[in-house]
Amino acid sequence: MSLAKPVPGLVISYSYLWADERSKGAEEGRKNRPCAIVAARRIVEGREVVTVVPITTRPRAIPPMR
């Protein structure tokens, strides 16, 4: 099965890492959640960088900047 081309607006399942989880030392998200692709661009050697945002019904606390 091939993956869909990443384009803005596409909703994917992704292990999103919240800022508060990262500030506690986590390196990956706790579970897969729906995320929307907001930007995709091609970079060196054909690899793509994709920017995603989580789709959620609950606001998250923003940890203070260090």
PDB file of N, CA and C in Angstrom:
ATOM      1  N   MET A   1       0.847  -1.179   0.000  1.00  0.00           N
ATOM      2  CA  MET A   1       0.000   0.000   0.000  1.00  0.00           C
ATOM      3  C   MET A   1       0.892   1.241   0.000  1.00  0.00           C
ATOM      4  N   SER A   2       0.653   2.164  -0.916  1.00  0.00           N
ATOM      5  CA  SER A   2       1.456   3.378  -0.966  1.00  0.00           C
ATOM      6  C   SER A   2       0.788   4.477  -0.128  1.00  0.00           C
ATOM      7  N   LEU A   3       1.608   5.376   0.349  1.00  0.00           N
ATOM      8  CA  LEU A   3       1.099   6.486   1.151  1.00  0.00           C
ATOM      9  C   LEU A   3       0.633   7.618   0.249  1.00  0.00           C
ATOM     10  N   ALA A   4      -0.368   8.353   0.709  1.00  0.00           N
ATOM     11  CA  ALA A   4      -0.853   9.512  -0.043  1.00  0.00           C
ATOM     12  C   ALA A   4       0.215  10.598  -0.057  1.00  0.00           C
ATOM     13  N   LYS A   5       0.264  11.354  -1.133  1.00  0.00           N
ATOM     14  CA  LYS A   5       1.202  12.482  -1.206  1.00  0.00           C
ATOM     15  C   LYS A   5       0.796  13.507  -0.154  1.00  0.00           C
ATOM     16  N   PRO A   6       1.744  13.969   0.657  1.00  0.00           N
ATOM     17  CA  PRO A   6       1.392  14.950   1.694  1.00  0.00           C
ATOM     18  C   PRO A   6       1.084  16.314   1.079  1.00  0.00           C
ATOM     19  N   VAL A   7      -0.149  16.741   1.224  1.00  0.00           N
ATOM     20  CA  VAL A   7      -0.581  18.042   0.726  1.00  0.00           C
ATOM     21  C   VAL A   7      -1.342  18.762   1.841  1.00  0.00           C
ATOM     22  N   PRO A   8      -1.263  20.097   1.883  1.00  0.00           N
ATOM     23  CA  PRO A   8      -2.006  20.847   2.898  1.00  0.00           C
ATOM     24  C   PRO A   8      -3.493  20.495   2.866  1.00  0.00           C
ATOM     25  N   GLY A   9      -4.058  20.287   4.044  1.00  0.00           N
ATOM     26  CA  GLY A   9      -5.467  19.944   4.182  1.00  0.00           C
ATOM     27  C   GLY A   9      -5.717  18.461   4.405  1.00  0.00           C
ATOM     28  N   LEU A  10      -4.745  17.625   4.090  1.00  0.00           N
ATOM     29  CA  LEU A  10      -4.894  16.187   4.284  1.00  0.00           C
ATOM     30  C   LEU A  10      -4.846  15.876   5.780  1.00  0.00           C
ATOM     31  N   VAL A  11      -5.748  15.033   6.258  1.00  0.00           N
ATOM     32  CA  VAL A  11      -5.764  14.628   7.667  1.00  0.00           C
ATOM     33  C   VAL A  11      -5.107  13.252   7.762  1.00  0.00           C
ATOM     34  N   ILE A  12      -4.146  13.136   8.669  1.00  0.00           N
ATOM     35  CA  ILE A  12      -3.400  11.897   8.852  1.00  0.00           C
ATOM     36  C   ILE A  12      -3.444  11.479  10.318  1.00  0.00           C
ATOM     37  N   SER A  13      -3.064  10.245  10.588  1.00  0.00           N
ATOM     38  CA  SER A  13      -2.897   9.759  11.956  1.00  0.00           C
ATOM     39  C   SER A  13      -1.420   9.888  12.283  1.00  0.00           C
ATOM     40  N   TYR A  14      -1.093  10.580  13.388  1.00  0.00           N
ATOM     41  CA  TYR A  14       0.297  10.887  13.694  1.00  0.00           C
ATOM     42  C   TYR A  14       0.503  10.910  15.203  1.00  0.00           C
ATOM     43  N   SER A  15       1.629  10.435  15.657  1.00  0.00           N
ATOM     44  CA  SER A  15       1.956  10.442  17.081  1.00  0.00           C
ATOM     45  C   SER A  15       2.493  11.827  17.446  1.00  0.00           C
ATOM     46  N   TYR A  16       1.587  12.777  17.622  1.00  0.00           N
ATOM     47  CA  TYR A  16       1.931  14.183  17.861  1.00  0.00           C
ATOM     48  C   TYR A  16       2.519  14.362  19.261  1.00  0.00           C
ATOM     49  N   LEU A  17       3.619  15.091  19.354  1.00  0.00           N
ATOM     50  CA  LEU A  17       4.260  15.362  20.639  1.00  0.00           C
ATOM     51  C   LEU A  17       3.894  16.774  21.087  1.00  0.00           C
ATOM     52  N   TRP A  18       3.092  16.857  22.138  1.00  0.00           N
ATOM     53  CA  TRP A  18       2.693  18.156  22.685  1.00  0.00           C
ATOM     54  C   TRP A  18       3.890  18.806  23.371  1.00  0.00           C
ATOM     55  N   ALA A  19       3.893  20.131  23.422  1.00  0.00           N
ATOM     56  CA  ALA A  19       4.989  20.881  24.045  1.00  0.00           C
ATOM     57  C   ALA A  19       5.154  20.511  25.519  1.00  0.00           C
ATOM     58  N   ASP A  20       4.034  20.318  26.240  1.00  0.00           N
ATOM     59  CA  ASP A  20       4.152  19.984  27.659  1.00  0.00           C
ATOM     60  C   ASP A  20       4.734  18.584  27.848  1.00  0.00           C
ATOM     61  N   GLU A  21       4.451  17.655  26.930  1.00  0.00           N
ATOM     62  CA  GLU A  21       5.053  16.320  27.002  1.00  0.00           C
ATOM     63  C   GLU A  21       6.557  16.411  26.741  1.00  0.00           C
ATOM     64  N   ARG A  22       6.927  17.242  25.774  1.00  0.00           N
ATOM     65  CA  ARG A  22       8.351  17.419  25.446  1.00  0.00           C
ATOM     66  C   ARG A  22       9.114  18.052  26.608  1.00  0.00           C
ATOM     67  N   SER A  23       8.487  19.030  27.275  1.00  0.00           N
ATOM     68  CA  SER A  23       9.154  19.688  28.397  1.00  0.00           C
ATOM     69  C   SER A  23       9.398  18.735  29.562  1.00  0.00           C
ATOM     70  N   LYS A  24       8.634  17.622  29.582  1.00  0.00           N
ATOM     71  CA  LYS A  24       8.824  16.606  30.625  1.00  0.00           C
ATOM     72  C   LYS A  24       9.803  15.517  30.190  1.00  0.00           C
ATOM     73  N   GLY A  25      10.394  15.680  28.996  1.00  0.00           N
ATOM     74  CA  GLY A  25      11.423  14.745  28.545  1.00  0.00           C
ATOM     75  C   GLY A  25      10.990  13.718  27.512  1.00  0.00           C
ATOM     76  N   ALA A  26       9.721  13.712  27.134  1.00  0.00           N
ATOM     77  CA  ALA A  26       9.255  12.752  26.126  1.00  0.00           C
ATOM     78  C   ALA A  26       9.864  13.083  24.767  1.00  0.00           C
ATOM     79  N   GLU A  27      10.115  12.056  23.965  1.00  0.00           N
ATOM     80  CA  GLU A  27      10.683  12.258  22.638  1.00  0.00           C
ATOM     81  C   GLU A  27       9.693  11.932  21.528  1.00  0.00           C
ATOM     82  N   GLU A  28       8.569  11.309  21.876  1.00  0.00           N
ATOM     83  CA  GLU A  28       7.509  11.058  20.900  1.00  0.00           C
ATOM     84  C   GLU A  28       6.167  11.088  21.607  1.00  0.00           C
ATOM     85  N   GLY A  29       5.111  11.293  20.834  1.00  0.00           N
ATOM     86  CA  GLY A  29       3.776  11.391  21.396  1.00  0.00           C
ATOM     87  C   GLY A  29       3.324  10.092  22.044  1.00  0.00           C
ATOM     88  N   ARG A  30       2.376  10.204  22.970  1.00  0.00           N
ATOM     89  CA  ARG A  30       1.869   9.023  23.679  1.00  0.00           C
ATOM     90  C   ARG A  30       0.941   8.169  22.832  1.00  0.00           C
ATOM     91  N   LYS A  31       0.235   8.789  21.888  1.00  0.00           N
ATOM     92  CA  LYS A  31      -0.691   8.024  21.057  1.00  0.00           C
ATOM     93  C   LYS A  31      -0.884   8.728  19.715  1.00  0.00           C
ATOM     94  N   ASN A  32      -1.360   7.970  18.742  1.00  0.00           N
ATOM     95  CA  ASN A  32      -1.684   8.561  17.449  1.00  0.00           C
ATOM     96  C   ASN A  32      -2.947   9.382  17.577  1.00  0.00           C
ATOM     97  N   ARG A  33      -2.965  10.519  16.930  1.00  0.00           N
ATOM     98  CA  ARG A  33      -4.140  11.378  16.924  1.00  0.00           C
ATOM     99  C   ARG A  33      -4.323  11.958  15.522  1.00  0.00           C
ATOM    100  N   PRO A  34      -5.516  12.416  15.205  1.00  0.00           N
ATOM    101  CA  PRO A  34      -5.706  13.032  13.895  1.00  0.00           C
ATOM    102  C   PRO A  34      -4.956  14.357  13.834  1.00  0.00           C
ATOM    103  N   CYS A  35      -4.239  14.560  12.744  1.00  0.00           N
ATOM    104  CA  CYS A  35      -3.491  15.796  12.531  1.00  0.00           C
ATOM    105  C   CYS A  35      -3.722  16.266  11.103  1.00  0.00           C
ATOM    106  N   ALA A  36      -3.764  17.570  10.907  1.00  0.00           N
ATOM    107  CA  ALA A  36      -3.920  18.143   9.574  1.00  0.00           C
ATOM    108  C   ALA A  36      -2.560  18.615   9.081  1.00  0.00           C
ATOM    109  N   ILE A  37      -2.264  18.322   7.835  1.00  0.00           N
ATOM    110  CA  ILE A  37      -1.037  18.825   7.220  1.00  0.00           C
ATOM    111  C   ILE A  37      -1.289  20.278   6.836  1.00  0.00           C
ATOM    112  N   VAL A  38      -0.419  21.181   7.294  1.00  0.00           N
ATOM    113  CA  VAL A  38      -0.580  22.602   6.974  1.00  0.00           C
ATOM    114  C   VAL A  38       0.458  23.088   5.973  1.00  0.00           C
ATOM    115  N   ALA A  39       1.564  22.372   5.843  1.00  0.00           N
ATOM    116  CA  ALA A  39       2.587  22.752   4.867  1.00  0.00           C
ATOM    117  C   ALA A  39       3.406  21.520   4.514  1.00  0.00           C
ATOM    118  N   ALA A  40       3.805  21.434   3.255  1.00  0.00           N
ATOM    119  CA  ALA A  40       4.673  20.349   2.801  1.00  0.00           C
ATOM    120  C   ALA A  40       5.596  20.949   1.745  1.00  0.00           C
ATOM    121  N   ARG A  41       6.898  20.659   1.864  1.00  0.00           N
ATOM    122  CA  ARG A  41       7.833  21.157   0.853  1.00  0.00           C
ATOM    123  C   ARG A  41       8.924  20.132   0.611  1.00  0.00           C
ATOM    124  N   ARG A  42       9.412  20.095  -0.588  1.00  0.00           N
ATOM    125  CA  ARG A  42      10.451  19.142  -0.961  1.00  0.00           C
ATOM    126  C   ARG A  42      11.819  19.708  -0.577  1.00  0.00           C
ATOM    127  N   ILE A  43      12.694  18.854  -0.046  1.00  0.00           N
ATOM    128  CA  ILE A  43      14.045  19.279   0.308  1.00  0.00           C
ATOM    129  C   ILE A  43      15.059  18.338  -0.334  1.00  0.00           C
ATOM    130  N   VAL A  44      16.300  18.388   0.091  1.00  0.00           N
ATOM    131  CA  VAL A  44      17.414  17.637  -0.475  1.00  0.00           C
ATOM    132  C   VAL A  44      17.122  16.136  -0.573  1.00  0.00           C
ATOM    133  N   GLU A  45      17.563  15.537  -1.649  1.00  0.00           N
ATOM    134  CA  GLU A  45      17.469  14.098  -1.891  1.00  0.00           C
ATOM    135  C   GLU A  45      16.033  13.581  -1.919  1.00  0.00           C
ATOM    136  N   GLY A  46      15.101  14.396  -2.333  1.00  0.00           N
ATOM    137  CA  GLY A  46      13.725  13.951  -2.503  1.00  0.00           C
ATOM    138  C   GLY A  46      12.933  13.742  -1.230  1.00  0.00           C
ATOM    139  N   ARG A  47      13.490  14.074  -0.083  1.00  0.00           N
ATOM    140  CA  ARG A  47      12.758  13.920   1.181  1.00  0.00           C
ATOM    141  C   ARG A  47      11.906  15.155   1.421  1.00  0.00           C
ATOM    142  N   GLU A  48      10.741  14.944   2.014  1.00  0.00           N
ATOM    143  CA  GLU A  48       9.834  16.055   2.271  1.00  0.00           C
ATOM    144  C   GLU A  48       9.738  16.374   3.762  1.00  0.00           C
ATOM    145  N   VAL A  49       9.623  17.644   4.049  1.00  0.00           N
ATOM    146  CA  VAL A  49       9.362  18.097   5.414  1.00  0.00           C
ATOM    147  C   VAL A  49       7.892  18.480   5.448  1.00  0.00           C
ATOM    148  N   VAL A  50       7.173  17.933   6.412  1.00  0.00           N
ATOM    149  CA  VAL A  50       5.738  18.173   6.521  1.00  0.00           C
ATOM    150  C   VAL A  50       5.445  18.786   7.886  1.00  0.00           C
ATOM    151  N   THR A  51       4.677  19.863   7.907  1.00  0.00           N
ATOM    152  CA  THR A  51       4.270  20.505   9.155  1.00  0.00           C
ATOM    153  C   THR A  51       2.825  20.126   9.440  1.00  0.00           C
ATOM    154  N   VAL A  52       2.580  19.610  10.641  1.00  0.00           N
ATOM    155  CA  VAL A  52       1.231  19.181  11.015  1.00  0.00           C
ATOM    156  C   VAL A  52       0.777  19.879  12.291  1.00  0.00           C
ATOM    157  N   VAL A  53      -0.537  19.968  12.445  1.00  0.00           N
ATOM    158  CA  VAL A  53      -1.135  20.465  13.688  1.00  0.00           C
ATOM    159  C   VAL A  53      -2.154  19.439  14.150  1.00  0.00           C
ATOM    160  N   PRO A  54      -2.251  19.220  15.459  1.00  0.00           N
ATOM    161  CA  PRO A  54      -3.218  18.239  15.950  1.00  0.00           C
ATOM    162  C   PRO A  54      -4.643  18.781  15.843  1.00  0.00           C
ATOM    163  N   ILE A  55      -5.572  17.865  15.653  1.00  0.00           N
ATOM    164  CA  ILE A  55      -6.995  18.209  15.661  1.00  0.00           C
ATOM    165  C   ILE A  55      -7.528  17.713  17.000  1.00  0.00           C
ATOM    166  N   THR A  56      -7.998  18.637  17.825  1.00  0.00           N
ATOM    167  CA  THR A  56      -8.421  18.280  19.174  1.00  0.00           C
ATOM    168  C   THR A  56      -9.602  19.132  19.608  1.00  0.00           C
ATOM    169  N   THR A  57     -10.324  18.665  20.600  1.00  0.00           N
ATOM    170  CA  THR A  57     -11.449  19.434  21.139  1.00  0.00           C
ATOM    171  C   THR A  57     -11.092  20.111  22.452  1.00  0.00           C
ATOM    172  N   ARG A  58      -9.921  19.769  22.999  1.00  0.00           N
ATOM    173  CA  ARG A  58      -9.530  20.344  24.290  1.00  0.00           C
ATOM    174  C   ARG A  58      -8.272  21.192  24.153  1.00  0.00           C
ATOM    175  N   PRO A  59      -8.269  22.395  24.735  1.00  0.00           N
ATOM    176  CA  PRO A  59      -7.061  23.228  24.681  1.00  0.00           C
ATOM    177  C   PRO A  59      -5.962  22.630  25.568  1.00  0.00           C
ATOM    178  N   ARG A  60      -4.717  22.857  25.194  1.00  0.00           N
ATOM    179  CA  ARG A  60      -3.567  22.378  25.975  1.00  0.00           C
ATOM    180  C   ARG A  60      -2.924  23.572  26.670  1.00  0.00           C
ATOM    181  N   ALA A  61      -2.355  23.317  27.835  1.00  0.00           N
ATOM    182  CA  ALA A  61      -1.602  24.360  28.542  1.00  0.00           C
ATOM    183  C   ALA A  61      -0.273  24.538  27.820  1.00  0.00           C
ATOM    184  N   ILE A  62       0.144  25.767  27.677  1.00  0.00           N
ATOM    185  CA  ILE A  62       1.420  26.049  27.031  1.00  0.00           C
ATOM    186  C   ILE A  62       2.475  26.214  28.125  1.00  0.00           C
ATOM    187  N   PRO A  63       3.522  25.363  28.121  1.00  0.00           N
ATOM    188  CA  PRO A  63       4.546  25.474  29.164  1.00  0.00           C
ATOM    189  C   PRO A  63       5.377  26.726  28.958  1.00  0.00           C
ATOM    190  N   PRO A  64       5.934  27.276  30.019  1.00  0.00           N
ATOM    191  CA  PRO A  64       6.765  28.479  29.886  1.00  0.00           C
ATOM    192  C   PRO A  64       8.010  28.181  29.066  1.00  0.00           C
ATOM    193  N   MET A  65       8.474  29.184  28.323  1.00  0.00           N
ATOM    194  CA  MET A  65       9.694  29.059  27.519  1.00  0.00           C
ATOM    195  C   MET A  65      10.905  29.044  28.452  1.00  0.00           C
ATOM    196  N   ARG A  66      11.897  28.249  28.082  1.00  0.00           N
ATOM    197  CA  ARG A  66      13.128  28.192  28.886  1.00  0.00           C
ATOM    198  C   ARG A  66      14.197  29.030  28.274  1.00  0.00           C
TER     199      ARG A  66
END
